[in-house]
Amino acid sequence: NQALSKTMEGGFGEDNFTGGLDGGNESVSHKRVCKAGIARMTLRTGSLQQGLAMVRQSKDKELVKSCGSILEAMRQYGEAAELYRLAEQYEKAAYMYLKTKSFTKLEALMEHITAPKLLTHYAKSMEAQKKYTEAASAYERANDVDNVIRVCLKHLDQPQRAFELVRK
């Protein structure tokens, strides 16, 4: 707790990172590390909009990914999803979009998703929304033949497609 108190009093907080930017002789790498630290600390202290702006401005995929993890831990799933998408961590972004029920944004990522668990979860959500064609497609990509057959017979009136899947 004393270390935390010292941090909160400025012992190891944002002042150390901003102080690293004040000198004129530091390398570009040093300044980049300081700016990354400032962005992470800004998010952790709750200034999400300011922190997100810093992260997006950096264009550093590792920083974007780590800040996505920070936001996920803070249960800021929508913002975390956006950062994971920017870092090309599509499956993590998809998982966050599922948590926030942002299906429109999730649909845009589906071409990048290969994890059967995510595809099945997406298919179930599409079924709940009565989007049976999308559900069948997602089940098929997840290799869940039983559910593809069920959706084809029960909702899509496609017995021929179901028959073909059974024959395979």
N, C-alpha and C. Protein backbone atom coordinates (compact mmCIF):
# COMPACT_ATOMS: atom_id res chain seq x y z
N ASN A 1 0.82 -1.20 0.00
CA ASN A 1 0.00 0.00 0.00
C ASN A 1 0.86 1.26 0.00
N GLN A 2 2.05 1.18 0.61
CA GLN A 2 2.91 2.36 0.60
C GLN A 2 3.40 2.66 -0.81
N ALA A 3 3.67 1.60 -1.58
CA ALA A 3 4.11 1.80 -2.96
C ALA A 3 3.00 2.44 -3.77
N LEU A 4 1.75 1.99 -3.52
CA LEU A 4 0.61 2.56 -4.22
C LEU A 4 0.42 4.02 -3.83
N SER A 5 0.59 4.32 -2.55
CA SER A 5 0.47 5.71 -2.11
C SER A 5 1.52 6.58 -2.77
N LYS A 6 2.75 6.05 -2.84
CA LYS A 6 3.83 6.79 -3.48
C LYS A 6 3.52 7.04 -4.96
N THR A 7 2.93 6.01 -5.61
CA THR A 7 2.54 6.15 -7.01
C THR A 7 1.50 7.24 -7.16
N MET A 8 0.51 7.24 -6.28
CA MET A 8 -0.57 8.21 -6.38
C MET A 8 -0.08 9.63 -6.08
N GLU A 9 1.00 9.75 -5.30
CA GLU A 9 1.57 11.06 -4.98
C GLU A 9 2.52 11.54 -6.07
N GLY A 10 2.64 10.80 -7.13
CA GLY A 10 3.50 11.23 -8.23
C GLY A 10 4.84 10.54 -8.24
N GLY A 11 5.06 9.58 -7.33
CA GLY A 11 6.34 8.89 -7.26
C GLY A 11 6.68 8.14 -8.53
N PHE A 12 5.72 7.45 -9.12
CA PHE A 12 5.98 6.68 -10.32
C PHE A 12 4.89 6.87 -11.35
N GLY A 13 4.09 7.88 -11.23
CA GLY A 13 2.93 8.07 -12.09
C GLY A 13 3.25 8.76 -13.38
N GLU A 14 2.28 9.47 -13.90
CA GLU A 14 2.36 10.11 -15.20
C GLU A 14 3.50 11.13 -15.27
N ASP A 15 3.84 11.76 -14.12
CA ASP A 15 4.91 12.75 -14.11
C ASP A 15 6.23 12.16 -14.60
N ASN A 16 6.50 10.91 -14.25
CA ASN A 16 7.74 10.30 -14.72
C ASN A 16 7.75 10.12 -16.22
N PHE A 17 6.60 9.79 -16.80
CA PHE A 17 6.52 9.63 -18.25
C PHE A 17 6.61 10.99 -18.95
N THR A 18 5.88 11.98 -18.45
CA THR A 18 5.91 13.29 -19.10
C THR A 18 7.26 13.95 -18.89
N GLY A 19 7.90 13.66 -17.75
CA GLY A 19 9.24 14.18 -17.51
C GLY A 19 10.23 13.66 -18.53
N GLY A 20 10.02 12.45 -19.00
CA GLY A 20 10.89 11.85 -20.01
C GLY A 20 10.77 12.53 -21.35
N LEU A 21 9.69 13.27 -21.56
CA LEU A 21 9.50 13.96 -22.83
C LEU A 21 10.11 15.35 -22.85
N ASP A 22 10.42 15.89 -21.65
CA ASP A 22 10.88 17.27 -21.56
C ASP A 22 12.28 17.48 -22.09
N GLY A 23 13.16 16.51 -21.91
CA GLY A 23 14.54 16.67 -22.37
C GLY A 23 14.63 16.68 -23.88
N GLY A 24 15.62 17.38 -24.42
CA GLY A 24 15.72 17.50 -25.86
C GLY A 24 16.61 16.46 -26.51
N ASN A 25 17.42 15.75 -25.73
CA ASN A 25 18.41 14.85 -26.31
C ASN A 25 17.97 13.39 -26.38
N GLU A 26 16.76 13.07 -25.88
CA GLU A 26 16.33 11.69 -25.88
C GLU A 26 16.07 11.20 -27.30
N SER A 27 16.22 9.91 -27.45
CA SER A 27 15.99 9.31 -28.76
C SER A 27 14.50 9.25 -29.06
N VAL A 28 14.21 9.01 -30.32
CA VAL A 28 12.81 8.85 -30.76
C VAL A 28 12.19 7.67 -30.05
N SER A 29 12.97 6.59 -29.88
CA SER A 29 12.49 5.39 -29.20
C SER A 29 12.10 5.71 -27.75
N HIS A 30 12.92 6.49 -27.08
CA HIS A 30 12.66 6.87 -25.69
C HIS A 30 11.36 7.67 -25.60
N LYS A 31 11.19 8.60 -26.50
CA LYS A 31 9.96 9.41 -26.49
C LYS A 31 8.73 8.56 -26.79
N ARG A 32 8.87 7.59 -27.69
CA ARG A 32 7.75 6.71 -28.02
C ARG A 32 7.35 5.89 -26.79
N VAL A 33 8.35 5.39 -26.05
CA VAL A 33 8.07 4.62 -24.84
C VAL A 33 7.37 5.51 -23.81
N CYS A 34 7.81 6.73 -23.66
CA CYS A 34 7.17 7.66 -22.72
C CYS A 34 5.73 7.95 -23.11
N LYS A 35 5.50 8.20 -24.40
CA LYS A 35 4.13 8.48 -24.85
C LYS A 35 3.23 7.27 -24.65
N ALA A 36 3.78 6.08 -24.87
CA ALA A 36 3.00 4.85 -24.66
C ALA A 36 2.63 4.72 -23.18
N GLY A 37 3.57 5.02 -22.31
CA GLY A 37 3.30 4.98 -20.87
C GLY A 37 2.24 5.98 -20.46
N ILE A 38 2.30 7.16 -21.03
CA ILE A 38 1.29 8.19 -20.74
C ILE A 38 -0.08 7.72 -21.20
N ALA A 39 -0.16 7.13 -22.38
CA ALA A 39 -1.44 6.64 -22.91
C ALA A 39 -2.02 5.57 -22.01
N ARG A 40 -1.18 4.60 -21.59
CA ARG A 40 -1.67 3.52 -20.72
C ARG A 40 -2.14 4.08 -19.37
N MET A 41 -1.37 4.98 -18.80
CA MET A 41 -1.75 5.56 -17.50
C MET A 41 -3.01 6.41 -17.62
N THR A 42 -3.16 7.10 -18.73
CA THR A 42 -4.36 7.91 -18.94
C THR A 42 -5.59 7.02 -18.98
N LEU A 43 -5.50 5.88 -19.65
CA LEU A 43 -6.63 4.94 -19.67
C LEU A 43 -6.90 4.39 -18.28
N ARG A 44 -5.85 3.99 -17.60
CA ARG A 44 -6.02 3.39 -16.26
C ARG A 44 -6.61 4.37 -15.25
N THR A 45 -6.36 5.64 -15.44
CA THR A 45 -6.91 6.63 -14.51
C THR A 45 -8.32 7.05 -14.88
N GLY A 46 -8.84 6.50 -15.97
CA GLY A 46 -10.24 6.73 -16.31
C GLY A 46 -10.50 7.79 -17.36
N SER A 47 -9.48 8.42 -17.88
CA SER A 47 -9.67 9.43 -18.94
C SER A 47 -9.67 8.70 -20.28
N LEU A 48 -10.77 8.01 -20.54
CA LEU A 48 -10.82 7.12 -21.70
C LEU A 48 -10.68 7.85 -23.02
N GLN A 49 -11.42 8.92 -23.22
CA GLN A 49 -11.38 9.61 -24.51
C GLN A 49 -9.98 10.15 -24.81
N GLN A 50 -9.36 10.75 -23.82
CA GLN A 50 -8.01 11.28 -24.01
C GLN A 50 -7.01 10.15 -24.26
N GLY A 51 -7.12 9.07 -23.49
CA GLY A 51 -6.23 7.93 -23.66
C GLY A 51 -6.41 7.26 -25.00
N LEU A 52 -7.67 7.08 -25.41
CA LEU A 52 -7.94 6.47 -26.72
C LEU A 52 -7.37 7.31 -27.86
N ALA A 53 -7.48 8.63 -27.73
CA ALA A 53 -6.93 9.51 -28.77
C ALA A 53 -5.41 9.33 -28.87
N MET A 54 -4.75 9.23 -27.72
CA MET A 54 -3.29 9.03 -27.72
C MET A 54 -2.92 7.69 -28.36
N VAL A 55 -3.67 6.65 -28.01
CA VAL A 55 -3.38 5.32 -28.53
C VAL A 55 -3.56 5.29 -30.05
N ARG A 56 -4.67 5.83 -30.52
CA ARG A 56 -4.92 5.84 -31.97
C ARG A 56 -3.87 6.65 -32.72
N GLN A 57 -3.43 7.73 -32.11
CA GLN A 57 -2.43 8.60 -32.75
C GLN A 57 -1.08 7.89 -32.86
N SER A 58 -0.79 6.98 -31.94
CA SER A 58 0.52 6.33 -31.91
C SER A 58 0.75 5.40 -33.09
N LYS A 59 -0.32 4.73 -33.57
CA LYS A 59 -0.24 3.76 -34.66
C LYS A 59 0.72 2.60 -34.34
N ASP A 60 0.95 2.35 -33.05
CA ASP A 60 1.79 1.26 -32.59
C ASP A 60 0.88 0.08 -32.23
N LYS A 61 0.93 -0.99 -33.04
CA LYS A 61 0.01 -2.12 -32.85
C LYS A 61 0.16 -2.78 -31.49
N GLU A 62 1.37 -2.87 -30.98
CA GLU A 62 1.57 -3.48 -29.65
C GLU A 62 0.94 -2.62 -28.57
N LEU A 63 1.08 -1.31 -28.66
CA LEU A 63 0.44 -0.41 -27.69
C LEU A 63 -1.08 -0.52 -27.80
N VAL A 64 -1.59 -0.54 -29.02
CA VAL A 64 -3.03 -0.64 -29.24
C VAL A 64 -3.55 -1.94 -28.62
N LYS A 65 -2.84 -3.03 -28.83
CA LYS A 65 -3.24 -4.33 -28.28
C LYS A 65 -3.21 -4.31 -26.75
N SER A 66 -2.14 -3.78 -26.17
CA SER A 66 -2.04 -3.77 -24.71
C SER A 66 -3.09 -2.85 -24.09
N CYS A 67 -3.41 -1.76 -24.76
CA CYS A 67 -4.46 -0.87 -24.25
C CYS A 67 -5.83 -1.50 -24.40
N GLY A 68 -6.01 -2.33 -25.42
CA GLY A 68 -7.24 -3.11 -25.54
C GLY A 68 -7.40 -4.03 -24.34
N SER A 69 -6.31 -4.65 -23.92
CA SER A 69 -6.34 -5.52 -22.73
C SER A 69 -6.68 -4.73 -21.47
N ILE A 70 -6.12 -3.53 -21.36
CA ILE A 70 -6.42 -2.67 -20.21
C ILE A 70 -7.90 -2.36 -20.17
N LEU A 71 -8.45 -1.96 -21.31
CA LEU A 71 -9.87 -1.62 -21.37
C LEU A 71 -10.75 -2.84 -21.12
N GLU A 72 -10.34 -4.00 -21.60
CA GLU A 72 -11.10 -5.22 -21.35
C GLU A 72 -11.14 -5.50 -19.85
N ALA A 73 -10.01 -5.35 -19.17
CA ALA A 73 -9.95 -5.56 -17.72
C ALA A 73 -10.83 -4.55 -16.97
N MET A 74 -10.98 -3.37 -17.55
CA MET A 74 -11.83 -2.34 -16.95
C MET A 74 -13.31 -2.51 -17.33
N ARG A 75 -13.60 -3.56 -18.08
CA ARG A 75 -14.95 -3.87 -18.57
C ARG A 75 -15.49 -2.80 -19.52
N GLN A 76 -14.60 -2.19 -20.26
CA GLN A 76 -14.95 -1.23 -21.30
C GLN A 76 -14.87 -1.98 -22.63
N TYR A 77 -15.82 -2.91 -22.81
CA TYR A 77 -15.73 -3.88 -23.90
C TYR A 77 -15.85 -3.25 -25.28
N GLY A 78 -16.68 -2.25 -25.44
CA GLY A 78 -16.83 -1.61 -26.74
C GLY A 78 -15.54 -0.94 -27.20
N GLU A 79 -14.91 -0.21 -26.30
CA GLU A 79 -13.65 0.45 -26.62
C GLU A 79 -12.54 -0.57 -26.83
N ALA A 80 -12.54 -1.61 -26.00
CA ALA A 80 -11.53 -2.68 -26.15
C ALA A 80 -11.66 -3.33 -27.52
N ALA A 81 -12.90 -3.57 -27.95
CA ALA A 81 -13.13 -4.20 -29.26
C ALA A 81 -12.55 -3.34 -30.38
N GLU A 82 -12.77 -2.04 -30.29
CA GLU A 82 -12.25 -1.15 -31.33
C GLU A 82 -10.72 -1.20 -31.39
N LEU A 83 -10.09 -1.22 -30.22
CA LEU A 83 -8.62 -1.28 -30.22
C LEU A 83 -8.12 -2.63 -30.71
N TYR A 84 -8.78 -3.71 -30.31
CA TYR A 84 -8.37 -5.02 -30.82
C TYR A 84 -8.53 -5.07 -32.34
N ARG A 85 -9.57 -4.46 -32.85
CA ARG A 85 -9.78 -4.43 -34.31
C ARG A 85 -8.64 -3.66 -34.98
N LEU A 86 -8.27 -2.52 -34.40
CA LEU A 86 -7.16 -1.74 -34.96
C LEU A 86 -5.84 -2.51 -34.92
N ALA A 87 -5.67 -3.34 -33.88
CA ALA A 87 -4.45 -4.13 -33.73
C ALA A 87 -4.52 -5.43 -34.53
N GLU A 88 -5.61 -5.60 -35.29
CA GLU A 88 -5.84 -6.78 -36.11
C GLU A 88 -5.92 -8.05 -35.27
N GLN A 89 -6.44 -7.92 -34.06
CA GLN A 89 -6.73 -9.04 -33.17
C GLN A 89 -8.23 -9.32 -33.32
N TYR A 90 -8.60 -9.85 -34.47
CA TYR A 90 -10.01 -9.93 -34.86
C TYR A 90 -10.84 -10.84 -33.96
N GLU A 91 -10.26 -11.93 -33.51
CA GLU A 91 -11.05 -12.83 -32.67
C GLU A 91 -11.32 -12.22 -31.30
N LYS A 92 -10.34 -11.51 -30.75
CA LYS A 92 -10.58 -10.81 -29.48
C LYS A 92 -11.61 -9.71 -29.68
N ALA A 93 -11.51 -8.99 -30.78
CA ALA A 93 -12.50 -7.95 -31.08
C ALA A 93 -13.89 -8.55 -31.21
N ALA A 94 -13.99 -9.67 -31.89
CA ALA A 94 -15.28 -10.33 -32.07
C ALA A 94 -15.87 -10.75 -30.73
N TYR A 95 -15.04 -11.28 -29.87
CA TYR A 95 -15.52 -11.68 -28.54
C TYR A 95 -16.06 -10.47 -27.78
N MET A 96 -15.38 -9.33 -27.87
CA MET A 96 -15.85 -8.11 -27.20
C MET A 96 -17.16 -7.63 -27.81
N TYR A 97 -17.26 -7.68 -29.13
CA TYR A 97 -18.50 -7.27 -29.79
C TYR A 97 -19.66 -8.17 -29.39
N LEU A 98 -19.39 -9.46 -29.21
CA LEU A 98 -20.43 -10.37 -28.74
C LEU A 98 -20.89 -9.98 -27.34
N LYS A 99 -19.93 -9.62 -26.48
CA LYS A 99 -20.29 -9.21 -25.12
C LYS A 99 -21.17 -7.98 -25.10
N THR A 100 -20.93 -7.07 -26.04
CA THR A 100 -21.71 -5.82 -26.07
C THR A 100 -22.91 -5.92 -26.99
N LYS A 101 -23.08 -7.09 -27.61
CA LYS A 101 -24.18 -7.32 -28.56
C LYS A 101 -24.16 -6.31 -29.72
N SER A 102 -22.96 -5.96 -30.15
CA SER A 102 -22.77 -5.07 -31.30
C SER A 102 -22.66 -5.93 -32.56
N PHE A 103 -23.80 -6.48 -32.97
CA PHE A 103 -23.79 -7.45 -34.05
C PHE A 103 -23.44 -6.84 -35.40
N THR A 104 -23.78 -5.59 -35.62
CA THR A 104 -23.44 -4.95 -36.88
C THR A 104 -21.92 -4.86 -37.03
N LYS A 105 -21.25 -4.45 -35.98
CA LYS A 105 -19.78 -4.37 -36.03
C LYS A 105 -19.17 -5.75 -36.11
N LEU A 106 -19.80 -6.70 -35.44
CA LEU A 106 -19.32 -8.07 -35.46
C LEU A 106 -19.40 -8.66 -36.86
N GLU A 107 -20.48 -8.40 -37.57
CA GLU A 107 -20.65 -8.93 -38.93
C GLU A 107 -19.51 -8.50 -39.84
N ALA A 108 -19.01 -7.29 -39.64
CA ALA A 108 -17.92 -6.80 -40.48
C ALA A 108 -16.62 -7.58 -40.25
N LEU A 109 -16.49 -8.22 -39.10
CA LEU A 109 -15.28 -8.97 -38.78
C LEU A 109 -15.35 -10.45 -39.13
N MET A 110 -16.53 -10.94 -39.44
CA MET A 110 -16.72 -12.39 -39.55
C MET A 110 -15.84 -13.06 -40.60
N GLU A 111 -15.44 -12.35 -41.62
CA GLU A 111 -14.57 -12.97 -42.62
C GLU A 111 -13.20 -13.33 -42.04
N HIS A 112 -12.82 -12.69 -40.93
CA HIS A 112 -11.52 -12.94 -40.30
C HIS A 112 -11.59 -14.00 -39.21
N ILE A 113 -12.78 -14.43 -38.84
CA ILE A 113 -12.96 -15.32 -37.69
C ILE A 113 -12.90 -16.78 -38.14
N THR A 114 -12.11 -17.57 -37.43
CA THR A 114 -12.00 -19.00 -37.73
C THR A 114 -12.30 -19.87 -36.52
N ALA A 115 -12.34 -19.31 -35.34
CA ALA A 115 -12.56 -20.10 -34.12
C ALA A 115 -13.98 -20.64 -34.09
N PRO A 116 -14.13 -21.96 -34.05
CA PRO A 116 -15.48 -22.56 -34.05
C PRO A 116 -16.37 -22.05 -32.92
N LYS A 117 -15.80 -21.85 -31.75
CA LYS A 117 -16.59 -21.37 -30.61
C LYS A 117 -17.21 -20.00 -30.89
N LEU A 118 -16.42 -19.09 -31.45
CA LEU A 118 -16.95 -17.77 -31.80
C LEU A 118 -17.98 -17.85 -32.92
N LEU A 119 -17.70 -18.68 -33.91
CA LEU A 119 -18.65 -18.83 -35.02
C LEU A 119 -19.98 -19.41 -34.53
N THR A 120 -19.92 -20.36 -33.63
CA THR A 120 -21.14 -20.96 -33.10
C THR A 120 -21.91 -19.94 -32.27
N HIS A 121 -21.21 -19.18 -31.46
CA HIS A 121 -21.86 -18.15 -30.64
C HIS A 121 -22.54 -17.11 -31.54
N TYR A 122 -21.83 -16.73 -32.59
CA TYR A 122 -22.38 -15.78 -33.56
C TYR A 122 -23.62 -16.37 -34.24
N ALA A 123 -23.54 -17.63 -34.63
CA ALA A 123 -24.67 -18.29 -35.29
C ALA A 123 -25.89 -18.31 -34.38
N LYS A 124 -25.69 -18.61 -33.12
CA LYS A 124 -26.81 -18.62 -32.17
C LYS A 124 -27.44 -17.24 -32.05
N SER A 125 -26.60 -16.22 -32.03
CA SER A 125 -27.15 -14.86 -31.93
C SER A 125 -27.90 -14.47 -33.21
N MET A 126 -27.42 -14.93 -34.36
CA MET A 126 -28.13 -14.66 -35.61
C MET A 126 -29.47 -15.41 -35.63
N GLU A 127 -29.47 -16.61 -35.12
CA GLU A 127 -30.72 -17.37 -35.04
C GLU A 127 -31.73 -16.64 -34.15
N ALA A 128 -31.26 -16.11 -33.03
CA ALA A 128 -32.15 -15.39 -32.12
C ALA A 128 -32.74 -14.16 -32.78
N GLN A 129 -32.01 -13.59 -33.73
CA GLN A 129 -32.49 -12.42 -34.47
C GLN A 129 -33.26 -12.80 -35.73
N LYS A 130 -33.48 -14.09 -35.91
CA LYS A 130 -34.20 -14.63 -37.06
C LYS A 130 -33.47 -14.38 -38.39
N LYS A 131 -32.15 -14.31 -38.33
CA LYS A 131 -31.31 -14.19 -39.52
C LYS A 131 -30.75 -15.59 -39.80
N TYR A 132 -31.61 -16.42 -40.35
CA TYR A 132 -31.30 -17.84 -40.46
C TYR A 132 -30.24 -18.15 -41.51
N THR A 133 -30.19 -17.38 -42.59
CA THR A 133 -29.17 -17.62 -43.61
C THR A 133 -27.78 -17.39 -43.03
N GLU A 134 -27.62 -16.29 -42.30
CA GLU A 134 -26.33 -15.99 -41.66
C GLU A 134 -25.99 -17.04 -40.61
N ALA A 135 -27.01 -17.49 -39.87
CA ALA A 135 -26.79 -18.51 -38.85
C ALA A 135 -26.29 -19.81 -39.49
N ALA A 136 -26.95 -20.24 -40.55
CA ALA A 136 -26.54 -21.47 -41.23
C ALA A 136 -25.12 -21.36 -41.76
N SER A 137 -24.80 -20.22 -42.33
CA SER A 137 -23.45 -20.00 -42.85
C SER A 137 -22.40 -20.07 -41.74
N ALA A 138 -22.70 -19.45 -40.61
CA ALA A 138 -21.75 -19.47 -39.48
C ALA A 138 -21.62 -20.88 -38.91
N TYR A 139 -22.73 -21.58 -38.77
CA TYR A 139 -22.66 -22.97 -38.30
C TYR A 139 -21.81 -23.81 -39.26
N GLU A 140 -21.97 -23.58 -40.54
CA GLU A 140 -21.21 -24.35 -41.54
C GLU A 140 -19.72 -24.06 -41.41
N ARG A 141 -19.37 -22.79 -41.24
CA ARG A 141 -17.96 -22.44 -41.07
C ARG A 141 -17.38 -23.02 -39.78
N ALA A 142 -18.26 -23.24 -38.78
CA ALA A 142 -17.81 -23.83 -37.51
C ALA A 142 -17.81 -25.36 -37.56
N ASN A 143 -18.16 -25.91 -38.72
CA ASN A 143 -18.25 -27.37 -38.91
C ASN A 143 -19.29 -28.01 -37.98
N ASP A 144 -20.35 -27.29 -37.72
CA ASP A 144 -21.45 -27.79 -36.89
C ASP A 144 -22.58 -28.23 -37.82
N VAL A 145 -22.39 -29.37 -38.45
CA VAL A 145 -23.30 -29.86 -39.49
C VAL A 145 -24.71 -30.08 -38.94
N ASP A 146 -24.81 -30.61 -37.72
CA ASP A 146 -26.13 -30.87 -37.15
C ASP A 146 -26.98 -29.60 -37.09
N ASN A 147 -26.37 -28.51 -36.67
CA ASN A 147 -27.12 -27.26 -36.58
C ASN A 147 -27.42 -26.66 -37.96
N VAL A 148 -26.52 -26.87 -38.91
CA VAL A 148 -26.80 -26.40 -40.28
C VAL A 148 -28.03 -27.13 -40.81
N ILE A 149 -28.06 -28.43 -40.62
CA ILE A 149 -29.19 -29.23 -41.08
C ILE A 149 -30.47 -28.78 -40.39
N ARG A 150 -30.40 -28.59 -39.08
CA ARG A 150 -31.58 -28.15 -38.33
C ARG A 150 -32.12 -26.82 -38.84
N VAL A 151 -31.23 -25.84 -39.05
CA VAL A 151 -31.66 -24.53 -39.54
C VAL A 151 -32.22 -24.64 -40.96
N CYS A 152 -31.57 -25.44 -41.79
CA CYS A 152 -32.06 -25.62 -43.17
C CYS A 152 -33.46 -26.21 -43.19
N LEU A 153 -33.71 -27.20 -42.36
CA LEU A 153 -35.02 -27.86 -42.35
C LEU A 153 -36.09 -27.04 -41.63
N LYS A 154 -35.73 -26.48 -40.50
CA LYS A 154 -36.73 -25.82 -39.65
C LYS A 154 -37.06 -24.39 -40.09
N HIS A 155 -36.06 -23.67 -40.59
CA HIS A 155 -36.26 -22.24 -40.84
C HIS A 155 -36.10 -21.81 -42.29
N LEU A 156 -35.25 -22.48 -43.03
CA LEU A 156 -34.94 -22.02 -44.39
C LEU A 156 -35.68 -22.77 -45.49
N ASP A 157 -36.36 -23.80 -45.12
CA ASP A 157 -37.08 -24.62 -46.11
C ASP A 157 -36.14 -25.05 -47.24
N GLN A 158 -35.01 -25.62 -46.82
CA GLN A 158 -34.01 -26.10 -47.78
C GLN A 158 -33.70 -27.58 -47.51
N PRO A 159 -34.68 -28.46 -47.75
CA PRO A 159 -34.43 -29.88 -47.47
C PRO A 159 -33.35 -30.48 -48.37
N GLN A 160 -33.21 -29.96 -49.59
CA GLN A 160 -32.20 -30.50 -50.50
C GLN A 160 -30.79 -30.24 -49.95
N ARG A 161 -30.56 -29.03 -49.45
CA ARG A 161 -29.25 -28.70 -48.86
C ARG A 161 -29.00 -29.59 -47.64
N ALA A 162 -30.00 -29.77 -46.80
CA ALA A 162 -29.87 -30.63 -45.63
C ALA A 162 -29.54 -32.06 -46.05
N PHE A 163 -30.22 -32.54 -47.08
CA PHE A 163 -29.98 -33.90 -47.58
C PHE A 163 -28.54 -34.05 -48.05
N GLU A 164 -28.05 -33.04 -48.78
CA GLU A 164 -26.67 -33.09 -49.28
C GLU A 164 -25.66 -33.13 -48.13
N LEU A 165 -25.94 -32.39 -47.06
CA LEU A 165 -25.04 -32.38 -45.91
C LEU A 165 -25.06 -33.72 -45.20
N VAL A 166 -26.22 -34.34 -45.12
CA VAL A 166 -26.31 -35.65 -44.48
C VAL A 166 -25.52 -36.69 -45.29
N ARG A 167 -25.58 -36.61 -46.59
CA ARG A 167 -24.87 -37.58 -47.45
C ARG A 167 -23.36 -37.46 -47.34
N LYS A 168 -22.87 -36.29 -47.03
CA LYS A 168 -21.41 -36.09 -46.88
C LYS A 168 -20.99 -36.79 -45.65
